[in-house]
Amino acid sequence: MAAGCLAGAALSYGLAAVTARWLPTLELTATGVDVALVSLVLISVSPVGATVPMIRLRRIDPVEAFRP
């Protein structure tokens, strides 16, 4: 998960540089605090997003879960 956050941060800085070149009137600023805050929110929300399907899968028979 940390690797994904780092890759996303690197891509966002690269995309901001490309956008600044093509649209010089549009000012995009992203500080380290912004990146850390977004990473913290995503890391804290992802367990909730994984828990909901797990709870639903506990209710059915494992054989039915893998049946096409």
N, C-alpha and C. Protein backbone atom coordinates (compact mmCIF):
# COMPACT_ATOMS: atom_id res chain seq x y z
N MET A 1 0.81 -1.18 0.00
CA MET A 1 0.00 0.00 0.00
C MET A 1 0.87 1.26 0.00
N ALA A 2 1.97 1.19 0.72
CA ALA A 2 2.87 2.35 0.76
C ALA A 2 3.49 2.60 -0.61
N ALA A 3 3.78 1.51 -1.33
CA ALA A 3 4.36 1.66 -2.67
C ALA A 3 3.36 2.35 -3.60
N GLY A 4 2.09 2.02 -3.46
CA GLY A 4 1.07 2.67 -4.27
C GLY A 4 0.94 4.15 -3.96
N CYS A 5 1.05 4.50 -2.68
CA CYS A 5 1.00 5.92 -2.29
C CYS A 5 2.19 6.67 -2.85
N LEU A 6 3.36 6.06 -2.79
CA LEU A 6 4.56 6.72 -3.33
C LEU A 6 4.46 6.86 -4.85
N ALA A 7 3.98 5.82 -5.51
CA ALA A 7 3.84 5.90 -6.96
C ALA A 7 2.81 6.96 -7.35
N GLY A 8 1.71 7.03 -6.61
CA GLY A 8 0.70 8.05 -6.88
C GLY A 8 1.22 9.45 -6.67
N ALA A 9 2.04 9.63 -5.62
CA ALA A 9 2.62 10.96 -5.37
C ALA A 9 3.56 11.35 -6.50
N ALA A 10 4.39 10.41 -6.93
CA ALA A 10 5.32 10.70 -8.02
C ALA A 10 4.56 11.03 -9.31
N LEU A 11 3.53 10.26 -9.61
CA LEU A 11 2.75 10.52 -10.81
C LEU A 11 2.01 11.86 -10.73
N SER A 12 1.54 12.21 -9.55
CA SER A 12 0.83 13.48 -9.44
C SER A 12 1.76 14.66 -9.63
N TYR A 13 2.99 14.56 -9.11
CA TYR A 13 3.95 15.65 -9.33
C TYR A 13 4.33 15.73 -10.81
N GLY A 14 4.49 14.58 -11.46
CA GLY A 14 4.80 14.59 -12.88
C GLY A 14 3.66 15.16 -13.71
N LEU A 15 2.44 14.78 -13.37
CA LEU A 15 1.28 15.30 -14.09
C LEU A 15 1.10 16.80 -13.85
N ALA A 16 1.42 17.25 -12.65
CA ALA A 16 1.34 18.69 -12.38
C ALA A 16 2.35 19.46 -13.23
N ALA A 17 3.54 18.89 -13.43
CA ALA A 17 4.55 19.55 -14.26
C ALA A 17 4.09 19.62 -15.72
N VAL A 18 3.51 18.54 -16.21
CA VAL A 18 3.02 18.52 -17.59
C VAL A 18 1.86 19.51 -17.75
N THR A 19 0.96 19.53 -16.78
CA THR A 19 -0.17 20.45 -16.83
C THR A 19 0.30 21.90 -16.78
N ALA A 20 1.30 22.17 -15.96
CA ALA A 20 1.82 23.54 -15.86
C ALA A 20 2.44 23.99 -17.18
N ARG A 21 3.01 23.05 -17.91
CA ARG A 21 3.61 23.42 -19.20
C ARG A 21 2.54 23.70 -20.25
N TRP A 22 1.48 22.90 -20.27
CA TRP A 22 0.45 23.05 -21.28
C TRP A 22 -0.59 24.10 -20.91
N LEU A 23 -0.82 24.30 -19.62
CA LEU A 23 -1.79 25.29 -19.16
C LEU A 23 -1.12 26.21 -18.15
N PRO A 24 -0.34 27.17 -18.62
CA PRO A 24 0.43 28.01 -17.68
C PRO A 24 -0.44 28.90 -16.80
N THR A 25 -1.68 29.15 -17.19
CA THR A 25 -2.54 30.00 -16.36
C THR A 25 -3.19 29.24 -15.21
N LEU A 26 -3.15 27.92 -15.25
CA LEU A 26 -3.73 27.09 -14.19
C LEU A 26 -2.64 26.75 -13.19
N GLU A 27 -2.80 27.22 -11.97
CA GLU A 27 -1.77 26.99 -10.96
C GLU A 27 -2.14 25.78 -10.10
N LEU A 28 -1.30 24.76 -10.13
CA LEU A 28 -1.50 23.57 -9.32
C LEU A 28 -0.38 23.49 -8.29
N THR A 29 -0.76 23.42 -7.04
CA THR A 29 0.24 23.28 -5.99
C THR A 29 -0.14 22.10 -5.12
N ALA A 30 0.82 21.27 -4.83
CA ALA A 30 0.63 20.13 -3.93
C ALA A 30 1.83 20.08 -3.01
N THR A 31 1.58 20.26 -1.75
CA THR A 31 2.66 20.22 -0.77
C THR A 31 2.77 18.81 -0.21
N GLY A 32 3.82 18.59 0.53
CA GLY A 32 4.00 17.30 1.18
C GLY A 32 2.90 17.00 2.17
N VAL A 33 2.37 18.03 2.79
CA VAL A 33 1.26 17.85 3.74
C VAL A 33 0.01 17.36 3.01
N ASP A 34 -0.23 17.89 1.82
CA ASP A 34 -1.38 17.45 1.03
C ASP A 34 -1.25 15.97 0.67
N VAL A 35 -0.07 15.58 0.22
CA VAL A 35 0.16 14.19 -0.16
C VAL A 35 0.01 13.28 1.05
N ALA A 36 0.56 13.69 2.19
CA ALA A 36 0.46 12.87 3.40
C ALA A 36 -0.99 12.75 3.86
N LEU A 37 -1.75 13.83 3.77
CA LEU A 37 -3.15 13.81 4.20
C LEU A 37 -3.98 12.89 3.31
N VAL A 38 -3.80 12.99 2.02
CA VAL A 38 -4.54 12.12 1.10
C VAL A 38 -4.15 10.67 1.31
N SER A 39 -2.86 10.40 1.50
CA SER A 39 -2.41 9.04 1.76
C SER A 39 -3.02 8.49 3.04
N LEU A 40 -3.06 9.31 4.07
CA LEU A 40 -3.64 8.88 5.35
C LEU A 40 -5.13 8.57 5.21
N VAL A 41 -5.84 9.39 4.48
CA VAL A 41 -7.27 9.15 4.27
C VAL A 41 -7.48 7.85 3.49
N LEU A 42 -6.72 7.65 2.43
CA LEU A 42 -6.89 6.44 1.63
C LEU A 42 -6.52 5.18 2.40
N ILE A 43 -5.47 5.25 3.19
CA ILE A 43 -5.06 4.10 3.99
C ILE A 43 -6.09 3.79 5.07
N SER A 44 -6.73 4.80 5.62
CA SER A 44 -7.72 4.56 6.66
C SER A 44 -9.07 4.10 6.10
N VAL A 45 -9.40 4.45 4.87
CA VAL A 45 -10.67 4.06 4.27
C VAL A 45 -10.59 2.67 3.63
N SER A 46 -9.44 2.26 3.18
CA SER A 46 -9.32 0.98 2.47
C SER A 46 -9.71 -0.23 3.31
N PRO A 47 -9.42 -0.30 4.61
CA PRO A 47 -9.91 -1.45 5.38
C PRO A 47 -11.44 -1.53 5.43
N VAL A 48 -12.11 -0.39 5.45
CA VAL A 48 -13.57 -0.39 5.45
C VAL A 48 -14.08 -0.94 4.11
N GLY A 49 -13.44 -0.53 3.03
CA GLY A 49 -13.83 -1.01 1.72
C GLY A 49 -13.59 -2.50 1.53
N ALA A 50 -12.64 -3.05 2.25
CA ALA A 50 -12.38 -4.49 2.17
C ALA A 50 -13.25 -5.28 3.13
N THR A 51 -13.70 -4.65 4.20
CA THR A 51 -14.49 -5.36 5.20
C THR A 51 -15.91 -5.64 4.73
N VAL A 52 -16.50 -4.74 4.01
CA VAL A 52 -17.88 -4.92 3.56
C VAL A 52 -18.02 -6.17 2.68
N PRO A 53 -17.19 -6.39 1.66
CA PRO A 53 -17.32 -7.63 0.89
C PRO A 53 -17.01 -8.88 1.72
N MET A 54 -16.09 -8.77 2.69
CA MET A 54 -15.79 -9.93 3.54
C MET A 54 -17.01 -10.33 4.36
N ILE A 55 -17.72 -9.36 4.88
CA ILE A 55 -18.92 -9.66 5.67
C ILE A 55 -19.98 -10.32 4.79
N ARG A 56 -20.14 -9.85 3.58
CA ARG A 56 -21.11 -10.46 2.66
C ARG A 56 -20.71 -11.88 2.28
N LEU A 57 -19.41 -12.12 2.09
CA LEU A 57 -18.96 -13.46 1.72
C LEU A 57 -19.08 -14.46 2.86
N ARG A 58 -19.08 -14.00 4.09
CA ARG A 58 -19.22 -14.93 5.22
C ARG A 58 -20.59 -15.56 5.25
N ARG A 59 -21.57 -14.94 4.65
CA ARG A 59 -22.95 -15.43 4.71
C ARG A 59 -23.25 -16.55 3.72
N ILE A 60 -22.41 -16.75 2.71
CA ILE A 60 -22.71 -17.76 1.70
C ILE A 60 -21.75 -18.93 1.81
N ASP A 61 -22.14 -20.04 1.22
CA ASP A 61 -21.32 -21.25 1.21
C ASP A 61 -20.10 -21.02 0.32
N PRO A 62 -18.90 -21.45 0.75
CA PRO A 62 -17.70 -21.23 -0.07
C PRO A 62 -17.79 -21.85 -1.47
N VAL A 63 -18.50 -22.96 -1.60
CA VAL A 63 -18.64 -23.59 -2.92
C VAL A 63 -19.45 -22.68 -3.85
N GLU A 64 -20.46 -22.02 -3.33
CA GLU A 64 -21.26 -21.12 -4.15
C GLU A 64 -20.49 -19.86 -4.55
N ALA A 65 -19.54 -19.46 -3.73
CA ALA A 65 -18.76 -18.26 -4.05
C ALA A 65 -17.91 -18.45 -5.29
N PHE A 66 -17.44 -19.67 -5.50
CA PHE A 66 -16.56 -19.94 -6.65
C PHE A 66 -17.29 -20.55 -7.83
N ARG A 67 -18.59 -20.74 -7.73
CA ARG A 67 -19.36 -21.31 -8.82
C ARG A 67 -19.59 -20.22 -9.87
N PRO A 68 -19.37 -20.54 -11.17
CA PRO A 68 -19.55 -19.52 -12.22
C PRO A 68 -20.99 -19.13 -12.46
